[in-house]
Amino acid sequence: MAKRAWDRWHCRWRSRSAAASIGLAAAACGGGSASRAVDPVVLVDAKPLDASVVRQLATRDGVSEDVARAQAIETLQLAAGSRAAHAQQQYSDPRPQIAATRRQHLLRAARARLWLDEDFASPRTPAAIPDDDPILGRALSSSSYVHPRVHRICQVVVIPADAKNMTEAELITRDPAWRARAMSVLSPLAARIQRYIPASDPEACGLIGRSMSVLRPETVDEDLLLRFESQLAFDLTACAEVADDGRCVKPNFDPMWTERIGTLDPGTYSEVFAGSWGLHFASLVAIEPLRDLADPSTSVLIREQIHLKWLVREFANYMEALQRDSAVRVAALPAAAQEPEAR
């Protein structure tokens, strides 16, 4: 009943103009200018309805003062009923009680978290990782942490399916007819990706990979291989063959490809473009700066990134040591001492 009253009052309240609604609310709450005496027509829930408000409502709605008075009184009565229902709902229901056994479980869990934060983890900071720790040693020798300036990308490529090596692929992709067929496959796919997946989304590469089966064309010629490559890091200046004078004789990657990738900004897509070995549509995720072990900040960064993994291993070792030194047994309370759980 109170809910229906609230709905009726709320609907009527919203249908009126803001100025008259504010005036009615002010009169109902005993508001108005302190220098003007209130001329109450009636009291509703100890709130006076001012005669001037009745006159304003009658003028605004083009009705008699009797009709305006009846509408205002009904509105105030509905508001009073809503307030009463809200107060009863808020204070009549007691808060649910937690059983003693559940309370003990929560207390023990809170104490365990407090111990982990303040006693166990507090002295085991990233700087506390020993220099000869195996986790740190593997990280220092990993290209994931120590690398030159790299471009991290994901891309969709169309390459010849029957090419046995890059030389054959390059010969096939020079054919304008092959490029036209490959473009007819990759261009609509690239348009769908750009329409549905913003390049600035941190999860863009993952979304593209998961959506390939839906976004890709229904049919692709057998001699065209459509492939998605995710989150690969490339040193665009890498050289496969260096001359005696230090010049790069043979780049590690296709110069046509590195030139286009080098023009992208992080969080953007490329156009569909041709490389030496096929067509590409790429997204530049990030450009990661040089990380050199000669720079002290590199070691600090690596320690921070492996800290959680090292901390988990330290905790496992700590628990194993406790089990070796102590006998721990978890026993249930006697049936008579157990309390029923709260329903």
C-alpha atoms as a PDB file:
ATOM      1  CA  MET A   1       0.000   0.000   0.000  1.00  0.00           C
ATOM      2  CA  ALA A   2       2.747   2.445   0.954  1.00  0.00           C
ATOM      3  CA  LYS A   3       4.673   1.497  -2.198  1.00  0.00           C
ATOM      4  CA  ARG A   4       1.662   2.315  -4.411  1.00  0.00           C
ATOM      5  CA  ALA A   5       1.163   5.585  -2.578  1.00  0.00           C
ATOM      6  CA  TRP A   6       4.799   6.517  -3.167  1.00  0.00           C
ATOM      7  CA  ASP A   7       4.514   5.684  -6.877  1.00  0.00           C
ATOM      8  CA  ARG A   8       1.368   7.805  -7.273  1.00  0.00           C
ATOM      9  CA  TRP A   9       2.883  10.736  -5.404  1.00  0.00           C
ATOM     10  CA  HIS A  10       6.217  10.489  -7.230  1.00  0.00           C
ATOM     11  CA  CYS A  11       4.522  10.448 -10.638  1.00  0.00           C
ATOM     12  CA  ARG A  12       2.345  13.434  -9.824  1.00  0.00           C
ATOM     13  CA  TRP A  13       5.296  15.298  -8.313  1.00  0.00           C
ATOM     14  CA  ARG A  14       7.401  14.844 -11.433  1.00  0.00           C
ATOM     15  CA  SER A  15       4.565  15.986 -13.717  1.00  0.00           C
ATOM     16  CA  ARG A  16       4.453  19.445 -12.194  1.00  0.00           C
ATOM     17  CA  SER A  17       6.758  22.306 -12.937  1.00  0.00           C
ATOM     18  CA  ALA A  18       9.892  22.649 -10.834  1.00  0.00           C
ATOM     19  CA  ALA A  19       8.989  26.058  -9.459  1.00  0.00           C
ATOM     20  CA  ALA A  20       5.547  25.085  -8.126  1.00  0.00           C
ATOM     21  CA  SER A  21       6.888  21.794  -6.756  1.00  0.00           C
ATOM     22  CA  ILE A  22       9.575  23.652  -4.805  1.00  0.00           C
ATOM     23  CA  GLY A  23       6.969  26.063  -3.475  1.00  0.00           C
ATOM     24  CA  LEU A  24       4.749  23.243  -2.293  1.00  0.00           C
ATOM     25  CA  ALA A  25       7.646  21.447  -0.658  1.00  0.00           C
ATOM     26  CA  ALA A  26       8.684  24.628   1.120  1.00  0.00           C
ATOM     27  CA  ALA A  27       5.198  25.182   2.434  1.00  0.00           C
ATOM     28  CA  ALA A  28       4.918  21.565   3.547  1.00  0.00           C
ATOM     29  CA  CYS A  29       8.158  21.849   5.481  1.00  0.00           C
ATOM     30  CA  GLY A  30       7.191  25.138   7.144  1.00  0.00           C
ATOM     31  CA  GLY A  31       9.549  27.089   4.841  1.00  0.00           C
ATOM     32  CA  GLY A  32       9.216  30.511   3.270  1.00  0.00           C
ATOM     33  CA  SER A  33      10.476  33.888   4.224  1.00  0.00           C
ATOM     34  CA  ALA A  34      10.995  34.442   7.919  1.00  0.00           C
ATOM     35  CA  SER A  35       9.497  37.935   7.630  1.00  0.00           C
ATOM     36  CA  ARG A  36       6.159  36.655   6.202  1.00  0.00           C
ATOM     37  CA  ALA A  37       3.628  35.009   8.471  1.00  0.00           C
ATOM     38  CA  VAL A  38       2.452  31.564   7.367  1.00  0.00           C
ATOM     39  CA  ASP A  39      -1.262  31.401   6.586  1.00  0.00           C
ATOM     40  CA  PRO A  40      -1.930  27.686   6.996  1.00  0.00           C
ATOM     41  CA  VAL A  41      -4.957  26.177   5.284  1.00  0.00           C
ATOM     42  CA  VAL A  42      -4.464  22.769   6.885  1.00  0.00           C
ATOM     43  CA  LEU A  43      -1.789  20.716   8.671  1.00  0.00           C
ATOM     44  CA  VAL A  44      -0.731  17.434   7.088  1.00  0.00           C
ATOM     45  CA  ASP A  45       1.628  15.316   9.199  1.00  0.00           C
ATOM     46  CA  ALA A  46       2.355  18.444  11.254  1.00  0.00           C
ATOM     47  CA  LYS A  47       3.348  20.287   8.037  1.00  0.00           C
ATOM     48  CA  PRO A  48       1.353  23.474   7.215  1.00  0.00           C
ATOM     49  CA  LEU A  49      -0.026  24.056   3.740  1.00  0.00           C
ATOM     50  CA  ASP A  50       0.218  27.793   3.079  1.00  0.00           C
ATOM     51  CA  ALA A  51      -2.771  29.526   1.488  1.00  0.00           C
ATOM     52  CA  SER A  52      -0.454  31.399  -0.896  1.00  0.00           C
ATOM     53  CA  VAL A  53       0.745  28.082  -2.320  1.00  0.00           C
ATOM     54  CA  VAL A  54      -2.859  27.044  -2.930  1.00  0.00           C
ATOM     55  CA  ARG A  55      -3.471  30.270  -4.821  1.00  0.00           C
ATOM     56  CA  GLN A  56      -0.306  29.777  -6.911  1.00  0.00           C
ATOM     57  CA  LEU A  57      -1.338  26.218  -7.828  1.00  0.00           C
ATOM     58  CA  ALA A  58      -4.848  27.351  -8.733  1.00  0.00           C
ATOM     59  CA  THR A  59      -3.476  30.098 -11.002  1.00  0.00           C
ATOM     60  CA  ARG A  60      -0.912  27.830 -12.624  1.00  0.00           C
ATOM     61  CA  ASP A  61      -3.283  24.922 -13.317  1.00  0.00           C
ATOM     62  CA  GLY A  62      -6.349  27.072 -14.128  1.00  0.00           C
ATOM     63  CA  VAL A  63      -8.533  25.444 -11.444  1.00  0.00           C
ATOM     64  CA  SER A  64     -10.423  26.730  -8.464  1.00  0.00           C
ATOM     65  CA  GLU A  65      -8.752  27.146  -5.097  1.00  0.00           C
ATOM     66  CA  ASP A  66     -10.857  24.285  -3.711  1.00  0.00           C
ATOM     67  CA  VAL A  67      -9.537  21.884  -6.374  1.00  0.00           C
ATOM     68  CA  ALA A  68      -5.947  23.124  -5.924  1.00  0.00           C
ATOM     69  CA  ARG A  69      -6.256  22.743  -2.145  1.00  0.00           C
ATOM     70  CA  ALA A  70      -7.548  19.159  -2.487  1.00  0.00           C
ATOM     71  CA  GLN A  71      -4.700  18.225  -4.875  1.00  0.00           C
ATOM     72  CA  ALA A  72      -2.063  19.763  -2.597  1.00  0.00           C
ATOM     73  CA  ILE A  73      -3.453  18.003   0.472  1.00  0.00           C
ATOM     74  CA  GLU A  74      -3.489  14.664  -1.379  1.00  0.00           C
ATOM     75  CA  THR A  75       0.133  15.199  -2.473  1.00  0.00           C
ATOM     76  CA  LEU A  76       1.238  15.990   1.091  1.00  0.00           C
ATOM     77  CA  GLN A  77      -0.653  12.978   2.440  1.00  0.00           C
ATOM     78  CA  LEU A  78       1.031  10.676  -0.064  1.00  0.00           C
ATOM     79  CA  ALA A  79       4.435  12.136   0.854  1.00  0.00           C
ATOM     80  CA  ALA A  80       3.697  11.610   4.537  1.00  0.00           C
ATOM     81  CA  GLY A  81       2.695   8.008   3.852  1.00  0.00           C
ATOM     82  CA  SER A  82       5.871   7.418   1.911  1.00  0.00           C
ATOM     83  CA  ARG A  83       8.000   8.820   4.746  1.00  0.00           C
ATOM     84  CA  ALA A  84       6.260   6.596   7.252  1.00  0.00           C
ATOM     85  CA  ALA A  85       6.687   3.491   5.086  1.00  0.00           C
ATOM     86  CA  HIS A  86      10.357   4.278   4.553  1.00  0.00           C
ATOM     87  CA  ALA A  87      10.944   4.778   8.278  1.00  0.00           C
ATOM     88  CA  GLN A  88       9.202   1.509   9.100  1.00  0.00           C
ATOM     89  CA  GLN A  89      11.205  -0.411   6.508  1.00  0.00           C
ATOM     90  CA  GLN A  90      14.473   1.116   7.699  1.00  0.00           C
ATOM     91  CA  TYR A  91      14.108   0.579  11.419  1.00  0.00           C
ATOM     92  CA  SER A  92      11.597  -2.242  11.989  1.00  0.00           C
ATOM     93  CA  ASP A  93      13.716  -5.104  10.619  1.00  0.00           C
ATOM     94  CA  PRO A  94      16.526  -6.169  12.971  1.00  0.00           C
ATOM     95  CA  ARG A  95      19.968  -6.614  11.486  1.00  0.00           C
ATOM     96  CA  PRO A  96      20.842 -10.236  10.653  1.00  0.00           C
ATOM     97  CA  GLN A  97      22.907 -11.847  13.348  1.00  0.00           C
ATOM     98  CA  ILE A  98      26.111 -13.777  12.632  1.00  0.00           C
ATOM     99  CA  ALA A  99      26.460 -17.112  14.376  1.00  0.00           C
ATOM    100  CA  ALA A 100      29.317 -17.462  16.859  1.00  0.00           C
ATOM    101  CA  THR A 101      31.153 -20.052  14.734  1.00  0.00           C
ATOM    102  CA  ARG A 102      30.946 -17.848  11.655  1.00  0.00           C
ATOM    103  CA  ARG A 103      32.149 -14.892  13.703  1.00  0.00           C
ATOM    104  CA  GLN A 104      35.187 -16.888  14.802  1.00  0.00           C
ATOM    105  CA  HIS A 105      35.962 -17.861  11.205  1.00  0.00           C
ATOM    106  CA  LEU A 106      35.850 -14.213  10.111  1.00  0.00           C
ATOM    107  CA  LEU A 107      38.001 -13.161  13.048  1.00  0.00           C
ATOM    108  CA  ARG A 108      40.659 -15.767  12.286  1.00  0.00           C
ATOM    109  CA  ALA A 109      40.671 -14.782   8.599  1.00  0.00           C
ATOM    110  CA  ALA A 110      41.121 -11.108   9.508  1.00  0.00           C
ATOM    111  CA  ARG A 111      43.978 -11.961  11.878  1.00  0.00           C
ATOM    112  CA  ALA A 112      45.639 -14.042   9.153  1.00  0.00           C
ATOM    113  CA  ARG A 113      45.436 -11.161   6.661  1.00  0.00           C
ATOM    114  CA  LEU A 114      46.800  -8.758   9.270  1.00  0.00           C
ATOM    115  CA  TRP A 115      49.712 -11.106   9.994  1.00  0.00           C
ATOM    116  CA  LEU A 116      50.447 -11.513   6.268  1.00  0.00           C
ATOM    117  CA  ASP A 117      50.485  -7.745   5.694  1.00  0.00           C
ATOM    118  CA  GLU A 118      52.298  -6.549   8.801  1.00  0.00           C
ATOM    119  CA  ASP A 119      54.494  -9.451   9.890  1.00  0.00           C
ATOM    120  CA  PHE A 120      55.219 -11.622   6.859  1.00  0.00           C
ATOM    121  CA  ALA A 121      55.155  -9.311   3.833  1.00  0.00           C
ATOM    122  CA  SER A 122      56.357  -6.110   5.483  1.00  0.00           C
ATOM    123  CA  PRO A 123      60.056  -7.053   5.778  1.00  0.00           C
ATOM    124  CA  ARG A 124      60.027  -8.973   2.471  1.00  0.00           C
ATOM    125  CA  THR A 125      60.151  -6.011   0.102  1.00  0.00           C
ATOM    126  CA  PRO A 126      61.384  -6.140  -3.525  1.00  0.00           C
ATOM    127  CA  ALA A 127      64.768  -4.857  -2.342  1.00  0.00           C
ATOM    128  CA  ALA A 128      65.001  -7.844   0.015  1.00  0.00           C
ATOM    129  CA  ILE A 129      65.112 -10.349  -2.867  1.00  0.00           C
ATOM    130  CA  PRO A 130      68.620 -11.889  -2.743  1.00  0.00           C
ATOM    131  CA  ASP A 131      70.861 -11.199  -5.711  1.00  0.00           C
ATOM    132  CA  ASP A 132      71.416 -14.938  -6.232  1.00  0.00           C
ATOM    133  CA  ASP A 133      67.711 -15.850  -6.090  1.00  0.00           C
ATOM    134  CA  PRO A 134      66.773 -18.158  -9.025  1.00  0.00           C
ATOM    135  CA  ILE A 135      63.607 -16.172  -9.828  1.00  0.00           C
ATOM    136  CA  LEU A 136      65.619 -12.964 -10.087  1.00  0.00           C
ATOM    137  CA  GLY A 137      68.351 -14.703 -12.120  1.00  0.00           C
ATOM    138  CA  ARG A 138      65.851 -15.963 -14.696  1.00  0.00           C
ATOM    139  CA  ALA A 139      64.241 -12.526 -14.964  1.00  0.00           C
ATOM    140  CA  LEU A 140      67.578 -10.787 -15.500  1.00  0.00           C
ATOM    141  CA  SER A 141      68.350 -13.098 -18.407  1.00  0.00           C
ATOM    142  CA  SER A 142      64.877 -12.931 -19.949  1.00  0.00           C
ATOM    143  CA  SER A 143      64.088 -10.758 -22.963  1.00  0.00           C
ATOM    144  CA  SER A 144      60.740 -10.020 -21.355  1.00  0.00           C
ATOM    145  CA  TYR A 145      62.520  -7.789 -18.839  1.00  0.00           C
ATOM    146  CA  VAL A 146      65.847  -6.887 -20.472  1.00  0.00           C
ATOM    147  CA  HIS A 147      65.551  -5.755 -24.073  1.00  0.00           C
ATOM    148  CA  PRO A 148      66.252  -2.946 -26.544  1.00  0.00           C
ATOM    149  CA  ARG A 149      63.552  -0.456 -27.486  1.00  0.00           C
ATOM    150  CA  VAL A 150      60.737  -2.624 -28.810  1.00  0.00           C
ATOM    151  CA  HIS A 151      57.345  -2.152 -30.445  1.00  0.00           C
ATOM    152  CA  ARG A 152      54.716  -4.480 -28.990  1.00  0.00           C
ATOM    153  CA  ILE A 153      52.070  -5.252 -31.592  1.00  0.00           C
ATOM    154  CA  CYS A 154      49.362  -7.639 -32.633  1.00  0.00           C
ATOM    155  CA  GLN A 155      48.429  -8.092 -36.268  1.00  0.00           C
ATOM    156  CA  VAL A 156      46.291  -9.969 -38.759  1.00  0.00           C
ATOM    157  CA  VAL A 157      48.167 -11.154 -41.838  1.00  0.00           C
ATOM    158  CA  VAL A 158      47.299 -12.783 -45.138  1.00  0.00           C
ATOM    159  CA  ILE A 159      50.184 -14.756 -46.629  1.00  0.00           C
ATOM    160  CA  PRO A 160      50.510 -17.399 -49.347  1.00  0.00           C
ATOM    161  CA  ALA A 161      49.431 -20.755 -47.933  1.00  0.00           C
ATOM    162  CA  ASP A 162      51.599 -22.827 -50.276  1.00  0.00           C
ATOM    163  CA  ALA A 163      54.864 -20.862 -49.961  1.00  0.00           C
ATOM    164  CA  LYS A 164      57.670 -23.043 -48.597  1.00  0.00           C
ATOM    165  CA  ASN A 165      59.920 -20.148 -47.566  1.00  0.00           C
ATOM    166  CA  MET A 166      60.046 -16.372 -47.505  1.00  0.00           C
ATOM    167  CA  THR A 167      61.604 -16.169 -50.950  1.00  0.00           C
ATOM    168  CA  GLU A 168      58.687 -18.031 -52.512  1.00  0.00           C
ATOM    169  CA  ALA A 169      56.245 -15.917 -50.503  1.00  0.00           C
ATOM    170  CA  GLU A 170      57.819 -12.730 -51.816  1.00  0.00           C
ATOM    171  CA  LEU A 171      57.518 -13.913 -55.415  1.00  0.00           C
ATOM    172  CA  ILE A 172      53.856 -14.851 -54.974  1.00  0.00           C
ATOM    173  CA  THR A 173      52.841 -11.629 -53.225  1.00  0.00           C
ATOM    174  CA  ARG A 174      54.281  -9.485 -56.039  1.00  0.00           C
ATOM    175  CA  ASP A 175      51.445 -10.689 -58.268  1.00  0.00           C
ATOM    176  CA  PRO A 176      48.780  -7.906 -58.416  1.00  0.00           C
ATOM    177  CA  ALA A 177      46.026 -10.518 -58.787  1.00  0.00           C
ATOM    178  CA  TRP A 178      47.120 -12.254 -55.588  1.00  0.00           C
ATOM    179  CA  ARG A 179      47.238  -8.937 -53.728  1.00  0.00           C
ATOM    180  CA  ALA A 180      43.758  -8.037 -54.954  1.00  0.00           C
ATOM    181  CA  ARG A 181      42.313 -11.323 -53.661  1.00  0.00           C
ATOM    182  CA  ALA A 182      44.170 -10.956 -50.354  1.00  0.00           C
ATOM    183  CA  MET A 183      42.917  -7.375 -50.009  1.00  0.00           C
ATOM    184  CA  SER A 184      39.327  -8.534 -50.555  1.00  0.00           C
ATOM    185  CA  VAL A 185      39.751 -10.792 -47.527  1.00  0.00           C
ATOM    186  CA  LEU A 186      41.677  -8.536 -45.148  1.00  0.00           C
ATOM    187  CA  SER A 187      40.048  -5.142 -45.829  1.00  0.00           C
ATOM    188  CA  PRO A 188      36.498  -6.129 -44.692  1.00  0.00           C
ATOM    189  CA  LEU A 189      37.962  -7.891 -41.661  1.00  0.00           C
ATOM    190  CA  ALA A 190      40.016  -4.812 -40.720  1.00  0.00           C
ATOM    191  CA  ALA A 191      36.908  -2.615 -41.082  1.00  0.00           C
ATOM    192  CA  ARG A 192      34.926  -4.877 -38.734  1.00  0.00           C
ATOM    193  CA  ILE A 193      37.724  -4.908 -36.170  1.00  0.00           C
ATOM    194  CA  GLN A 194      37.951  -1.102 -36.204  1.00  0.00           C
ATOM    195  CA  ARG A 195      34.173  -0.794 -35.929  1.00  0.00           C
ATOM    196  CA  TYR A 196      33.741  -3.084 -32.921  1.00  0.00           C
ATOM    197  CA  ILE A 197      37.089  -3.023 -31.069  1.00  0.00           C
ATOM    198  CA  PRO A 198      38.705   0.337 -30.201  1.00  0.00           C
ATOM    199  CA  ALA A 199      42.463   0.256 -30.635  1.00  0.00           C
ATOM    200  CA  SER A 200      42.840   2.185 -27.368  1.00  0.00           C
ATOM    201  CA  ASP A 201      41.219  -0.638 -25.377  1.00  0.00           C
ATOM    202  CA  PRO A 202      43.935  -2.317 -23.238  1.00  0.00           C
ATOM    203  CA  GLU A 203      42.352  -5.675 -24.102  1.00  0.00           C
ATOM    204  CA  ALA A 204      42.106  -4.957 -27.837  1.00  0.00           C
ATOM    205  CA  CYS A 205      44.525  -7.699 -28.920  1.00  0.00           C
ATOM    206  CA  GLY A 206      42.799 -10.316 -26.789  1.00  0.00           C
ATOM    207  CA  LEU A 207      39.404  -9.260 -28.117  1.00  0.00           C
ATOM    208  CA  ILE A 208      40.619  -9.487 -31.706  1.00  0.00           C
ATOM    209  CA  GLY A 209      41.983 -12.973 -31.135  1.00  0.00           C
ATOM    210  CA  ARG A 210      38.773 -14.193 -29.512  1.00  0.00           C
ATOM    211  CA  SER A 211      36.607 -12.571 -32.196  1.00  0.00           C
ATOM    212  CA  MET A 212      38.471 -13.813 -35.275  1.00  0.00           C
ATOM    213  CA  SER A 213      36.095 -16.726 -35.835  1.00  0.00           C
ATOM    214  CA  VAL A 214      33.142 -14.302 -35.871  1.00  0.00           C
ATOM    215  CA  LEU A 215      34.653 -11.345 -37.722  1.00  0.00           C
ATOM    216  CA  ARG A 216      36.587 -13.199 -40.423  1.00  0.00           C
ATOM    217  CA  PRO A 217      35.008 -13.747 -43.862  1.00  0.00           C
ATOM    218  CA  GLU A 218      32.912 -16.865 -44.268  1.00  0.00           C
ATOM    219  CA  THR A 219      35.033 -18.136 -47.151  1.00  0.00           C
ATOM    220  CA  VAL A 220      38.748 -17.698 -47.847  1.00  0.00           C
ATOM    221  CA  ASP A 221      40.547 -19.070 -50.869  1.00  0.00           C
ATOM    222  CA  GLU A 222      42.615 -22.154 -50.093  1.00  0.00           C
ATOM    223  CA  ASP A 223      45.851 -20.551 -51.258  1.00  0.00           C
ATOM    224  CA  LEU A 224      45.394 -17.640 -48.788  1.00  0.00           C
ATOM    225  CA  LEU A 225      46.423 -18.155 -45.173  1.00  0.00           C
ATOM    226  CA  LEU A 226      44.660 -15.767 -42.769  1.00  0.00           C
ATOM    227  CA  ARG A 227      46.465 -15.642 -39.423  1.00  0.00           C
ATOM    228  CA  PHE A 228      46.333 -13.608 -36.191  1.00  0.00           C
ATOM    229  CA  GLU A 229      49.558 -12.880 -34.298  1.00  0.00           C
ATOM    230  CA  SER A 230      49.194 -11.549 -30.764  1.00  0.00           C
ATOM    231  CA  GLN A 231      51.380  -9.392 -28.515  1.00  0.00           C
ATOM    232  CA  LEU A 232      54.728  -9.793 -30.258  1.00  0.00           C
ATOM    233  CA  ALA A 233      57.632  -7.476 -29.406  1.00  0.00           C
ATOM    234  CA  PHE A 234      59.942  -6.347 -32.212  1.00  0.00           C
ATOM    235  CA  ASP A 235      63.187  -4.405 -32.276  1.00  0.00           C
ATOM    236  CA  LEU A 236      62.625  -2.568 -35.539  1.00  0.00           C
ATOM    237  CA  THR A 237      66.340  -1.820 -35.872  1.00  0.00           C
ATOM    238  CA  ALA A 238      67.461  -5.432 -35.406  1.00  0.00           C
ATOM    239  CA  CYS A 239      70.030  -6.532 -37.964  1.00  0.00           C
ATOM    240  CA  ALA A 240      70.607 -10.062 -39.235  1.00  0.00           C
ATOM    241  CA  GLU A 241      73.885  -9.282 -41.001  1.00  0.00           C
ATOM    242  CA  VAL A 242      76.306  -6.468 -40.161  1.00  0.00           C
ATOM    243  CA  ALA A 243      79.123  -5.302 -42.445  1.00  0.00           C
ATOM    244  CA  ASP A 244      82.680  -4.784 -41.246  1.00  0.00           C
ATOM    245  CA  ASP A 245      82.103  -1.049 -41.088  1.00  0.00           C
ATOM    246  CA  GLY A 246      79.064  -1.512 -38.843  1.00  0.00           C
ATOM    247  CA  ARG A 247      76.423  -0.960 -41.495  1.00  0.00           C
ATOM    248  CA  CYS A 248      73.387  -3.230 -41.483  1.00  0.00           C
ATOM    249  CA  VAL A 249      73.589  -5.278 -44.673  1.00  0.00           C
ATOM    250  CA  LYS A 250      70.512  -7.416 -44.031  1.00  0.00           C
ATOM    251  CA  PRO A 251      67.742  -6.235 -41.656  1.00  0.00           C
ATOM    252  CA  ASN A 252      66.166  -8.777 -39.391  1.00  0.00           C
ATOM    253  CA  PHE A 253      62.647  -7.822 -40.496  1.00  0.00           C
ATOM    254  CA  ASP A 254      60.991  -6.742 -43.721  1.00  0.00           C
ATOM    255  CA  PRO A 255      61.885  -3.048 -44.287  1.00  0.00           C
ATOM    256  CA  MET A 256      58.450  -2.361 -45.811  1.00  0.00           C
ATOM    257  CA  TRP A 257      56.833  -3.693 -42.645  1.00  0.00           C
ATOM    258  CA  THR A 258      59.137  -1.966 -40.136  1.00  0.00           C
ATOM    259  CA  GLU A 259      58.667   1.356 -41.905  1.00  0.00           C
ATOM    260  CA  ARG A 260      54.860   1.222 -41.526  1.00  0.00           C
ATOM    261  CA  ILE A 261      54.973  -0.056 -37.953  1.00  0.00           C
ATOM    262  CA  GLY A 262      57.418   2.688 -37.037  1.00  0.00           C
ATOM    263  CA  THR A 263      54.884   5.371 -38.032  1.00  0.00           C
ATOM    264  CA  LEU A 264      52.157   4.137 -35.648  1.00  0.00           C
ATOM    265  CA  ASP A 265      51.329   5.647 -32.287  1.00  0.00           C
ATOM    266  CA  PRO A 266      50.476   3.382 -29.332  1.00  0.00           C
ATOM    267  CA  GLY A 267      46.783   2.524 -29.196  1.00  0.00           C
ATOM    268  CA  THR A 268      46.173   2.924 -32.945  1.00  0.00           C
ATOM    269  CA  TYR A 269      45.505   0.688 -35.933  1.00  0.00           C
ATOM    270  CA  SER A 270      47.367   0.740 -39.216  1.00  0.00           C
ATOM    271  CA  GLU A 271      45.755   0.704 -42.608  1.00  0.00           C
ATOM    272  CA  VAL A 272      45.885  -2.580 -44.493  1.00  0.00           C
ATOM    273  CA  PHE A 273      49.306  -2.494 -46.130  1.00  0.00           C
ATOM    274  CA  ALA A 274      51.510  -4.748 -48.214  1.00  0.00           C
ATOM    275  CA  GLY A 275      54.791  -6.164 -47.013  1.00  0.00           C
ATOM    276  CA  SER A 276      57.286  -8.312 -48.808  1.00  0.00           C
ATOM    277  CA  TRP A 277      55.585 -11.526 -47.674  1.00  0.00           C
ATOM    278  CA  GLY A 278      51.886 -10.627 -47.556  1.00  0.00           C
ATOM    279  CA  LEU A 279      49.296  -8.133 -46.351  1.00  0.00           C
ATOM    280  CA  HIS A 280      49.184  -6.796 -42.812  1.00  0.00           C
ATOM    281  CA  PHE A 281      46.698  -5.057 -40.510  1.00  0.00           C
ATOM    282  CA  ALA A 282      48.413  -4.147 -37.234  1.00  0.00           C
ATOM    283  CA  SER A 283      47.688  -2.583 -33.858  1.00  0.00           C
ATOM    284  CA  LEU A 284      50.520  -0.984 -31.902  1.00  0.00           C
ATOM    285  CA  VAL A 285      49.960  -1.840 -28.242  1.00  0.00           C
ATOM    286  CA  ALA A 286      52.952  -0.062 -26.725  1.00  0.00           C
ATOM    287  CA  ILE A 287      56.501   1.084 -27.286  1.00  0.00           C
ATOM    288  CA  GLU A 288      58.700  -0.206 -24.485  1.00  0.00           C
ATOM    289  CA  PRO A 289      61.917   1.709 -23.838  1.00  0.00           C
ATOM    290  CA  LEU A 290      65.392   0.253 -23.635  1.00  0.00           C
ATOM    291  CA  ARG A 291      65.962  -1.810 -20.494  1.00  0.00           C
ATOM    292  CA  ASP A 292      69.673  -2.279 -19.900  1.00  0.00           C
ATOM    293  CA  LEU A 293      71.211  -4.003 -16.899  1.00  0.00           C
ATOM    294  CA  ALA A 294      73.733  -1.188 -16.745  1.00  0.00           C
ATOM    295  CA  ASP A 295      70.855   1.071 -15.705  1.00  0.00           C
ATOM    296  CA  PRO A 296      70.097   0.625 -11.957  1.00  0.00           C
ATOM    297  CA  SER A 297      66.429   1.424 -12.560  1.00  0.00           C
ATOM    298  CA  THR A 298      66.119  -1.764 -14.625  1.00  0.00           C
ATOM    299  CA  SER A 299      66.980  -3.941 -11.638  1.00  0.00           C
ATOM    300  CA  VAL A 300      64.514  -2.016  -9.473  1.00  0.00           C
ATOM    301  CA  LEU A 301      61.759  -2.484 -12.054  1.00  0.00           C
ATOM    302  CA  ILE A 302      62.452  -6.209 -12.418  1.00  0.00           C
ATOM    303  CA  ARG A 303      62.385  -6.728  -8.655  1.00  0.00           C
ATOM    304  CA  GLU A 304      59.015  -4.994  -8.446  1.00  0.00           C
ATOM    305  CA  GLN A 305      57.563  -7.104 -11.247  1.00  0.00           C
ATOM    306  CA  ILE A 306      58.695 -10.446  -9.803  1.00  0.00           C
ATOM    307  CA  HIS A 307      58.024  -9.490  -6.173  1.00  0.00           C
ATOM    308  CA  LEU A 308      54.609 -11.161  -5.886  1.00  0.00           C
ATOM    309  CA  LYS A 309      55.862 -14.415  -7.446  1.00  0.00           C
ATOM    310  CA  TRP A 310      58.844 -14.428  -5.082  1.00  0.00           C
ATOM    311  CA  LEU A 311      56.615 -13.646  -2.094  1.00  0.00           C
ATOM    312  CA  VAL A 312      54.290 -16.552  -2.888  1.00  0.00           C
ATOM    313  CA  ARG A 313      57.249 -18.917  -3.060  1.00  0.00           C
ATOM    314  CA  GLU A 314      58.617 -17.558   0.233  1.00  0.00           C
ATOM    315  CA  PHE A 315      55.266 -18.127   1.917  1.00  0.00           C
ATOM    316  CA  ALA A 316      55.134 -21.715   0.635  1.00  0.00           C
ATOM    317  CA  ASN A 317      58.631 -22.336   1.998  1.00  0.00           C
ATOM    318  CA  TYR A 318      57.637 -20.773   5.333  1.00  0.00           C
ATOM    319  CA  MET A 319      54.592 -23.052   5.644  1.00  0.00           C
ATOM    320  CA  GLU A 320      56.666 -26.133   4.757  1.00  0.00           C
ATOM    321  CA  ALA A 321      59.128 -25.224   7.491  1.00  0.00           C
ATOM    322  CA  LEU A 322      56.279 -24.929   9.997  1.00  0.00           C
ATOM    323  CA  GLN A 323      54.972 -28.333   9.008  1.00  0.00           C
ATOM    324  CA  ARG A 324      58.414 -29.865   9.482  1.00  0.00           C
ATOM    325  CA  ASP A 325      58.872 -28.308  12.928  1.00  0.00           C
ATOM    326  CA  SER A 326      55.322 -28.599  14.269  1.00  0.00           C
ATOM    327  CA  ALA A 327      52.442 -31.027  14.253  1.00  0.00           C
ATOM    328  CA  VAL A 328      49.260 -29.221  13.244  1.00  0.00           C
ATOM    329  CA  ARG A 329      45.850 -30.819  13.538  1.00  0.00           C
ATOM    330  CA  VAL A 330      42.496 -29.322  12.591  1.00  0.00           C
ATOM    331  CA  ALA A 331      39.738 -30.769  14.756  1.00  0.00           C
ATOM    332  CA  ALA A 332      36.021 -30.047  14.777  1.00  0.00           C
ATOM    333  CA  LEU A 333      34.300 -28.827  17.903  1.00  0.00           C
ATOM    334  CA  PRO A 334      32.351 -31.415  19.922  1.00  0.00           C
ATOM    335  CA  ALA A 335      28.772 -31.668  18.753  1.00  0.00           C
ATOM    336  CA  ALA A 336      27.454 -30.290  22.040  1.00  0.00           C
ATOM    337  CA  ALA A 337      29.639 -27.196  21.776  1.00  0.00           C
ATOM    338  CA  GLN A 338      28.714 -26.326  18.214  1.00  0.00           C
ATOM    339  CA  GLU A 339      26.231 -23.541  17.627  1.00  0.00           C
ATOM    340  CA  PRO A 340      23.726 -23.602  14.769  1.00  0.00           C
ATOM    341  CA  GLU A 341      24.513 -21.351  11.851  1.00  0.00           C
ATOM    342  CA  ALA A 342      22.314 -18.276  11.339  1.00  0.00           C
ATOM    343  CA  ARG A 343      19.509 -18.871   8.888  1.00  0.00           C
END
